C-alpha atoms as a PDB file:
ATOM      1  CA  MET A   1     141.835 -78.744-149.431  1.00  0.00           C
ATOM      2  CA  THR A   2     139.153 -80.262-151.353  1.00  0.00           C
ATOM      3  CA  ASP A   3     138.622 -84.170-150.381  1.00  0.00           C
ATOM      4  CA  PHE A   4     138.386 -85.286-154.290  1.00  0.00           C
ATOM      5  CA  ARG A   5     138.499 -89.186-153.542  1.00  0.00           C
ATOM      6  CA  THR A   6     135.202 -88.468-151.725  1.00  0.00           C
ATOM      7  CA  ALA A   7     134.331 -85.957-154.486  1.00  0.00           C
ATOM      8  CA  ARG A   8     134.372 -88.505-156.818  1.00  0.00           C
ATOM      9  CA  ARG A   9     132.027 -90.671-154.522  1.00  0.00           C
ATOM     10  CA  ALA A  10     129.301 -88.144-154.157  1.00  0.00           C
ATOM     11  CA  MET A  11     129.589 -87.340-158.419  1.00  0.00           C
ATOM     12  CA  VAL A  12     129.026 -91.038-159.011  1.00  0.00           C
ATOM     13  CA  ASP A  13     126.030 -91.473-156.570  1.00  0.00           C
ATOM     14  CA  GLY A  14     124.574 -88.383-156.197  1.00  0.00           C
ATOM     15  CA  GLN A  15     124.616 -87.630-160.664  1.00  0.00           C
ATOM     16  CA  VAL A  16     125.581 -90.854-161.980  1.00  0.00           C
ATOM     17  CA  ARG A  17     123.414 -93.613-160.494  1.00  0.00           C
ATOM     18  CA  THR A  18     120.589 -91.401-160.025  1.00  0.00           C
ATOM     19  CA  ALA A  19     120.066 -90.931-164.020  1.00  0.00           C
ATOM     20  CA  ASP A  20     119.748 -94.494-164.132  1.00  0.00           C
ATOM     21  CA  VAL A  21     123.653 -95.702-165.120  1.00  0.00           C
ATOM     22  CA  THR A  22     123.443 -98.922-164.117  1.00  0.00           C
ATOM     23  CA  ASP A  23     126.816-100.284-166.118  1.00  0.00           C
ATOM     24  CA  PRO A  24     129.040-101.527-163.092  1.00  0.00           C
ATOM     25  CA  ARG A  25     132.294-101.029-164.709  1.00  0.00           C
ATOM     26  CA  ILE A  26     130.726 -97.731-165.907  1.00  0.00           C
ATOM     27  CA  LEU A  27     130.390 -96.917-162.236  1.00  0.00           C
ATOM     28  CA  SER A  28     133.829 -97.998-161.642  1.00  0.00           C
ATOM     29  CA  ALA A  29     135.741 -96.303-164.342  1.00  0.00           C
ATOM     30  CA  MET A  30     134.136 -93.116-163.075  1.00  0.00           C
ATOM     31  CA  LEU A  31     135.088 -93.822-159.258  1.00  0.00           C
ATOM     32  CA  GLU A  32     138.296 -94.368-160.494  1.00  0.00           C
ATOM     33  CA  VAL A  33     139.904 -92.312-162.918  1.00  0.00           C
ATOM     34  CA  ALA A  34     140.447 -88.171-161.039  1.00  0.00           C
ATOM     35  CA  ARG A  35     138.545 -86.058-163.242  1.00  0.00           C
ATOM     36  CA  GLU A  36     140.207 -83.013-161.519  1.00  0.00           C
ATOM     37  CA  ALA A  37     143.289 -83.964-163.259  1.00  0.00           C
ATOM     38  CA  PHE A  38     142.595 -83.482-166.817  1.00  0.00           C
ATOM     39  CA  VAL A  39     141.329 -79.731-165.939  1.00  0.00           C
ATOM     40  CA  ALA A  40     143.347 -76.670-165.218  1.00  0.00           C
ATOM     41  CA  PRO A  41     144.933 -76.137-161.736  1.00  0.00           C
ATOM     42  CA  ALA A  42     142.219 -73.299-160.905  1.00  0.00           C
ATOM     43  CA  GLN A  43     139.212 -75.636-162.340  1.00  0.00           C
ATOM     44  CA  THR A  44     139.913 -78.449-159.456  1.00  0.00           C
ATOM     45  CA  GLY A  45     137.514 -77.265-157.451  1.00  0.00           C
ATOM     46  CA  LEU A  46     135.048 -77.838-160.103  1.00  0.00           C
ATOM     47  CA  ALA A  47     135.660 -80.910-161.934  1.00  0.00           C
ATOM     48  CA  TYR A  48     132.941 -83.298-159.900  1.00  0.00           C
ATOM     49  CA  LEU A  49     130.401 -80.717-159.995  1.00  0.00           C
ATOM     50  CA  ASP A  50     126.898 -81.211-162.476  1.00  0.00           C
ATOM     51  CA  LEU A  51     128.351 -78.536-165.305  1.00  0.00           C
ATOM     52  CA  ASP A  52     130.687 -79.136-168.207  1.00  0.00           C
ATOM     53  CA  VAL A  53     133.709 -77.411-166.959  1.00  0.00           C
ATOM     54  CA  PRO A  54     135.468 -75.042-169.272  1.00  0.00           C
ATOM     55  CA  LEU A  55     138.860 -75.729-170.787  1.00  0.00           C
ATOM     56  CA  GLY A  56     139.613 -72.828-172.714  1.00  0.00           C
ATOM     57  CA  GLY A  57     139.237 -71.911-176.262  1.00  0.00           C
ATOM     58  CA  GLY A  58     135.019 -72.588-176.069  1.00  0.00           C
ATOM     59  CA  ARG A  59     135.642 -76.002-174.972  1.00  0.00           C
ATOM     60  CA  CYS A  60     135.437 -77.966-171.678  1.00  0.00           C
ATOM     61  CA  LEU A  61     134.509 -81.219-170.056  1.00  0.00           C
ATOM     62  CA  ILE A  62     131.062 -82.593-170.777  1.00  0.00           C
ATOM     63  CA  LYS A  63     128.666 -82.842-167.932  1.00  0.00           C
ATOM     64  CA  PRO A  64     129.810 -86.375-165.603  1.00  0.00           C
ATOM     65  CA  MET A  65     126.347 -87.618-166.445  1.00  0.00           C
ATOM     66  CA  VAL A  66     125.300 -87.271-169.782  1.00  0.00           C
ATOM     67  CA  LEU A  67     128.814 -88.451-170.563  1.00  0.00           C
ATOM     68  CA  ALA A  68     127.973 -91.826-168.756  1.00  0.00           C
ATOM     69  CA  LYS A  69     124.590 -92.146-170.365  1.00  0.00           C
ATOM     70  CA  LEU A  70     126.325 -91.454-173.775  1.00  0.00           C
ATOM     71  CA  ILE A  71     128.619 -94.320-172.635  1.00  0.00           C
ATOM     72  CA  GLN A  72     126.057 -96.385-171.685  1.00  0.00           C
ATOM     73  CA  ALA A  73     123.932 -96.270-174.606  1.00  0.00           C
ATOM     74  CA  SER A  74     127.068 -97.209-176.570  1.00  0.00           C
ATOM     75  CA  ASP A  75     126.461-100.450-175.224  1.00  0.00           C
ATOM     76  CA  LEU A  76     129.908-101.433-175.203  1.00  0.00           C
ATOM     77  CA  ALA A  77     131.767-104.809-174.914  1.00  0.00           C
ATOM     78  CA  PRO A  78     135.290-105.353-173.630  1.00  0.00           C
ATOM     79  CA  THR A  79     136.903-106.047-176.340  1.00  0.00           C
ATOM     80  CA  ASP A  80     135.433-102.888-178.610  1.00  0.00           C
ATOM     81  CA  ARG A  81     137.845-100.523-180.346  1.00  0.00           C
ATOM     82  CA  VAL A  82     136.199 -97.211-179.272  1.00  0.00           C
ATOM     83  CA  LEU A  83     136.415 -93.266-181.257  1.00  0.00           C
ATOM     84  CA  ASP A  84     136.452 -90.474-179.063  1.00  0.00           C
ATOM     85  CA  VAL A  85     136.231 -87.605-181.096  1.00  0.00           C
ATOM     86  CA  GLY A  86     137.053 -83.838-179.226  1.00  0.00           C
ATOM     87  CA  CYS A  87     138.559 -86.052-176.076  1.00  0.00           C
ATOM     88  CA  THR A  88     140.175 -82.398-174.997  1.00  0.00           C
ATOM     89  CA  THR A  89     142.475 -83.413-172.176  1.00  0.00           C
ATOM     90  CA  GLY A  90     141.400 -87.191-172.144  1.00  0.00           C
ATOM     91  CA  TYR A  91     139.256 -87.205-169.413  1.00  0.00           C
ATOM     92  CA  ALA A  92     136.386 -89.339-171.271  1.00  0.00           C
ATOM     93  CA  ALA A  93     138.752 -91.899-173.171  1.00  0.00           C
ATOM     94  CA  ALA A  94     140.813 -92.722-169.632  1.00  0.00           C
ATOM     95  CA  VAL A  95     136.889 -93.498-168.648  1.00  0.00           C
ATOM     96  CA  LEU A  96     135.790 -95.523-172.000  1.00  0.00           C
ATOM     97  CA  ALA A  97     139.929 -97.231-171.780  1.00  0.00           C
ATOM     98  CA  ARG A  98     138.718 -99.243-167.959  1.00  0.00           C
ATOM     99  CA  VAL A  99     135.397-100.265-170.383  1.00  0.00           C
ATOM    100  CA  ALA A 100     136.309-100.961-173.509  1.00  0.00           C
ATOM    101  CA  GLY A 101     139.355-102.730-175.190  1.00  0.00           C
ATOM    102  CA  GLN A 102     141.047 -99.899-177.474  1.00  0.00           C
ATOM    103  CA  VAL A 103     140.055 -96.383-177.696  1.00  0.00           C
ATOM    104  CA  VAL A 104     141.925 -93.497-180.477  1.00  0.00           C
ATOM    105  CA  ALA A 105     141.263 -89.906-178.910  1.00  0.00           C
ATOM    106  CA  LEU A 106     141.355 -87.835-181.298  1.00  0.00           C
ATOM    107  CA  GLU A 107     141.401 -84.243-180.933  1.00  0.00           C
ATOM    108  CA  GLN A 108     142.384 -81.274-183.584  1.00  0.00           C
ATOM    109  CA  ASP A 109     143.647 -78.473-181.150  1.00  0.00           C
ATOM    110  CA  ALA A 110     147.506 -79.905-181.462  1.00  0.00           C
ATOM    111  CA  ALA A 111     148.567 -78.158-177.679  1.00  0.00           C
ATOM    112  CA  VAL A 112     145.474 -79.767-176.363  1.00  0.00           C
ATOM    113  CA  ALA A 113     146.027 -83.039-177.773  1.00  0.00           C
ATOM    114  CA  GLN A 114     149.334 -83.127-176.109  1.00  0.00           C
ATOM    115  CA  ARG A 115     148.206 -82.286-172.857  1.00  0.00           C
ATOM    116  CA  ALA A 116     145.828 -85.153-173.606  1.00  0.00           C
ATOM    117  CA  ARG A 117     148.484 -87.697-174.650  1.00  0.00           C
ATOM    118  CA  ALA A 118     150.648 -86.450-171.103  1.00  0.00           C
ATOM    119  CA  SER A 119     147.575 -87.252-168.818  1.00  0.00           C
ATOM    120  CA  LEU A 120     147.081 -90.547-170.670  1.00  0.00           C
ATOM    121  CA  ALA A 121     150.523 -92.004-170.725  1.00  0.00           C
ATOM    122  CA  SER A 122     149.977 -94.700-168.386  1.00  0.00           C
ATOM    123  CA  ARG A 123     147.226 -96.479-170.625  1.00  0.00           C
ATOM    124  CA  PRO A 124     148.416 -97.828-173.148  1.00  0.00           C
ATOM    125  CA  ASN A 125     145.076 -99.296-175.120  1.00  0.00           C
ATOM    126  CA  VAL A 126     144.614 -95.284-175.328  1.00  0.00           C
ATOM    127  CA  ARG A 127     146.156 -93.647-178.540  1.00  0.00           C
ATOM    128  CA  VAL A 128     146.013 -89.721-178.731  1.00  0.00           C
ATOM    129  CA  GLU A 129     145.579 -88.665-182.531  1.00  0.00           C
ATOM    130  CA  THR A 130     145.312 -84.954-183.881  1.00  0.00           C
ATOM    131  CA  GLY A 131     143.300 -84.079-186.791  1.00  0.00           C
ATOM    132  CA  PRO A 132     139.698 -82.572-187.963  1.00  0.00           C
ATOM    133  CA  LEU A 133     137.368 -83.737-185.669  1.00  0.00           C
ATOM    134  CA  THR A 134     134.417 -83.930-188.609  1.00  0.00           C
ATOM    135  CA  ALA A 135     136.682 -86.231-190.268  1.00  0.00           C
ATOM    136  CA  GLY A 136     136.941 -89.214-187.986  1.00  0.00           C
ATOM    137  CA  TRP A 137     139.694 -91.230-188.168  1.00  0.00           C
ATOM    138  CA  SER A 138     139.684 -93.701-190.649  1.00  0.00           C
ATOM    139  CA  GLN A 139     143.527 -95.361-190.138  1.00  0.00           C
ATOM    140  CA  GLY A 140     141.952 -96.530-186.870  1.00  0.00           C
ATOM    141  CA  GLY A 141     138.717 -98.004-188.296  1.00  0.00           C
ATOM    142  CA  PRO A 142     136.184 -99.391-188.398  1.00  0.00           C
ATOM    143  CA  PHE A 143     135.506 -98.949-185.007  1.00  0.00           C
ATOM    144  CA  ASP A 144     132.542-100.692-182.559  1.00  0.00           C
ATOM    145  CA  ALA A 145     131.437 -96.990-180.944  1.00  0.00           C
ATOM    146  CA  ILE A 146     131.518 -93.542-181.725  1.00  0.00           C
ATOM    147  CA  LEU A 147     131.383 -91.509-179.511  1.00  0.00           C
ATOM    148  CA  LEU A 148     131.341 -87.235-180.316  1.00  0.00           C
ATOM    149  CA  GLU A 149     132.283 -84.815-176.642  1.00  0.00           C
ATOM    150  CA  GLY A 150     129.707 -82.373-177.555  1.00  0.00           C
ATOM    151  CA  ALA A 151     126.985 -81.571-179.093  1.00  0.00           C
ATOM    152  CA  VAL A 152     126.645 -81.403-183.013  1.00  0.00           C
ATOM    153  CA  GLU A 153     124.275 -80.282-185.174  1.00  0.00           C
ATOM    154  CA  PHE A 154     124.946 -82.654-187.549  1.00  0.00           C
ATOM    155  CA  VAL A 155     126.708 -86.164-188.240  1.00  0.00           C
ATOM    156  CA  PRO A 156     129.078 -85.635-191.207  1.00  0.00           C
ATOM    157  CA  GLU A 157     129.070 -88.891-193.300  1.00  0.00           C
ATOM    158  CA  PRO A 158     133.082 -89.567-193.143  1.00  0.00           C
ATOM    159  CA  LEU A 159     132.266 -90.702-189.252  1.00  0.00           C
ATOM    160  CA  LEU A 160     128.875 -92.737-189.913  1.00  0.00           C
ATOM    161  CA  ARG A 161     131.047 -94.560-192.503  1.00  0.00           C
ATOM    162  CA  GLN A 162     134.036 -94.992-190.027  1.00  0.00           C
ATOM    163  CA  LEU A 163     131.269 -97.547-188.194  1.00  0.00           C
ATOM    164  CA  LYS A 164     131.593-101.419-188.130  1.00  0.00           C
ATOM    165  CA  ASP A 165     128.512-103.487-189.596  1.00  0.00           C
ATOM    166  CA  GLY A 166     126.317-103.915-185.764  1.00  0.00           C
ATOM    167  CA  GLY A 167     128.487-100.511-184.961  1.00  0.00           C
ATOM    168  CA  ARG A 168     127.080 -97.441-182.860  1.00  0.00           C
ATOM    169  CA  LEU A 169     127.454 -93.534-182.578  1.00  0.00           C
ATOM    170  CA  VAL A 170     126.352 -91.654-179.401  1.00  0.00           C
ATOM    171  CA  CYS A 171     126.111 -87.517-179.948  1.00  0.00           C
ATOM    172  CA  VAL A 172     123.970 -85.078-178.538  1.00  0.00           C
ATOM    173  CA  LEU A 173     122.296 -83.561-181.171  1.00  0.00           C
ATOM    174  CA  GLY A 174     121.069 -80.172-181.911  1.00  0.00           C
ATOM    175  CA  ALA A 175     121.949 -77.303-179.944  1.00  0.00           C
ATOM    176  CA  GLY A 176     120.137 -75.350-176.787  1.00  0.00           C
ATOM    177  CA  PRO A 177     117.129 -76.862-174.320  1.00  0.00           C
ATOM    178  CA  GLY A 178     115.297 -79.037-177.169  1.00  0.00           C
ATOM    179  CA  ALA A 179     118.697 -81.293-177.989  1.00  0.00           C
ATOM    180  CA  LYS A 180     118.447 -85.058-177.723  1.00  0.00           C
ATOM    181  CA  ALA A 181     120.862 -87.696-177.578  1.00  0.00           C
ATOM    182  CA  MET A 182     121.153 -90.219-180.077  1.00  0.00           C
ATOM    183  CA  VAL A 183     122.378 -93.341-181.230  1.00  0.00           C
ATOM    184  CA  TYR A 184     123.324 -93.456-184.546  1.00  0.00           C
ATOM    185  CA  CYS A 185     123.606 -97.438-185.289  1.00  0.00           C
ATOM    186  CA  ARG A 186     124.656 -99.056-188.626  1.00  0.00           C
ATOM    187  CA  SER A 187     123.343-102.157-190.914  1.00  0.00           C
ATOM    188  CA  GLY A 188     124.857-102.892-193.442  1.00  0.00           C
ATOM    189  CA  ASP A 189     124.839 -99.902-195.329  1.00  0.00           C
ATOM    190  CA  ASP A 190     121.559 -98.407-193.913  1.00  0.00           C
ATOM    191  CA  ILE A 191     121.955 -95.659-190.974  1.00  0.00           C
ATOM    192  CA  GLY A 192     119.301 -96.191-188.188  1.00  0.00           C
ATOM    193  CA  GLY A 193     118.819 -93.665-185.376  1.00  0.00           C
ATOM    194  CA  ARG A 194     116.902 -92.836-181.856  1.00  0.00           C
ATOM    195  CA  VAL A 195     116.860 -90.622-178.562  1.00  0.00           C
ATOM    196  CA  VAL A 196     117.660 -92.336-175.994  1.00  0.00           C
ATOM    197  CA  PHE A 197     117.495 -89.358-173.902  1.00  0.00           C
ATOM    198  CA  ASP A 198     117.242 -85.295-172.778  1.00  0.00           C
ATOM    199  CA  ALA A 199     120.821 -83.501-173.219  1.00  0.00           C
ATOM    200  CA  ALA A 200     122.964 -80.248-173.491  1.00  0.00           C
ATOM    201  CA  ALA A 201     126.386 -79.946-174.254  1.00  0.00           C
ATOM    202  CA  PRO A 202     128.572 -77.183-175.649  1.00  0.00           C
ATOM    203  CA  VAL A 203     128.598 -77.857-179.951  1.00  0.00           C
ATOM    204  CA  LEU A 204     131.870 -79.302-180.935  1.00  0.00           C
ATOM    205  CA  PRO A 205     133.928 -76.928-183.473  1.00  0.00           C
ATOM    206  CA  GLY A 206     133.384 -77.938-187.037  1.00  0.00           C
ATOM    207  CA  PHE A 207     129.539 -79.150-186.111  1.00  0.00           C
ATOM    208  CA  VAL A 208     127.628 -76.244-186.826  1.00  0.00           C
ATOM    209  CA  LYS A 209     125.163 -76.814-189.568  1.00  0.00           C
ATOM    210  CA  PRO A 210     125.843 -74.250-192.347  1.00  0.00           C
ATOM    211  CA  PRO A 211     123.190 -71.969-193.198  1.00  0.00           C
ATOM    212  CA  GLU A 212     120.729 -72.600-195.351  1.00  0.00           C
ATOM    213  CA  PHE A 213     120.052 -70.108-198.611  1.00  0.00           C
ATOM    214  CA  ALA A 214     116.497 -69.478-199.644  1.00  0.00           C
ATOM    215  CA  PHE A 215     116.114 -68.307-203.526  1.00  0.00           C
END
């Protein structure tokens, strides 16, 4: 039988700390949240490995290191309101709930969203909503931070508009080995972006750039 507590410690010490994640709130949250509870029983042996854990239907939990670095790059305050886009079964939302003040976890697959609600039922500062990922959740905004849980080939304007002035959106931009983790910051009506680290993740549904036709 897997000793999940030991596996959790090994994940944090061997994958997260070594990737320059230094925020003690993130480290503590990832030590406390049982990642194995957010995957299927047959997948629990994969929960703490340095990989994207498949959940079926092309969805996954992104690598612990990538998630931790994205959360750290979002520079969350304890009172911040966060939108978690593509929350799948709710693991990242559970981590965010220990770092930020309020979390809206958005998932477009109704069955997966229901799994997230069940997994997050004991966390009063998390609300799971169902809807198209590219539309965000304007009813709950504006947000101090938005996390896109996967790679994207473009960032839709509706998501950027849901940031508060001074708000940050973090994501993996691009598909394949050349992808980069990005932070986009809103200042008034302007949006600026910067690369924070090299990263790779499966592309979120709806975030594939439409093909461009040349005439």
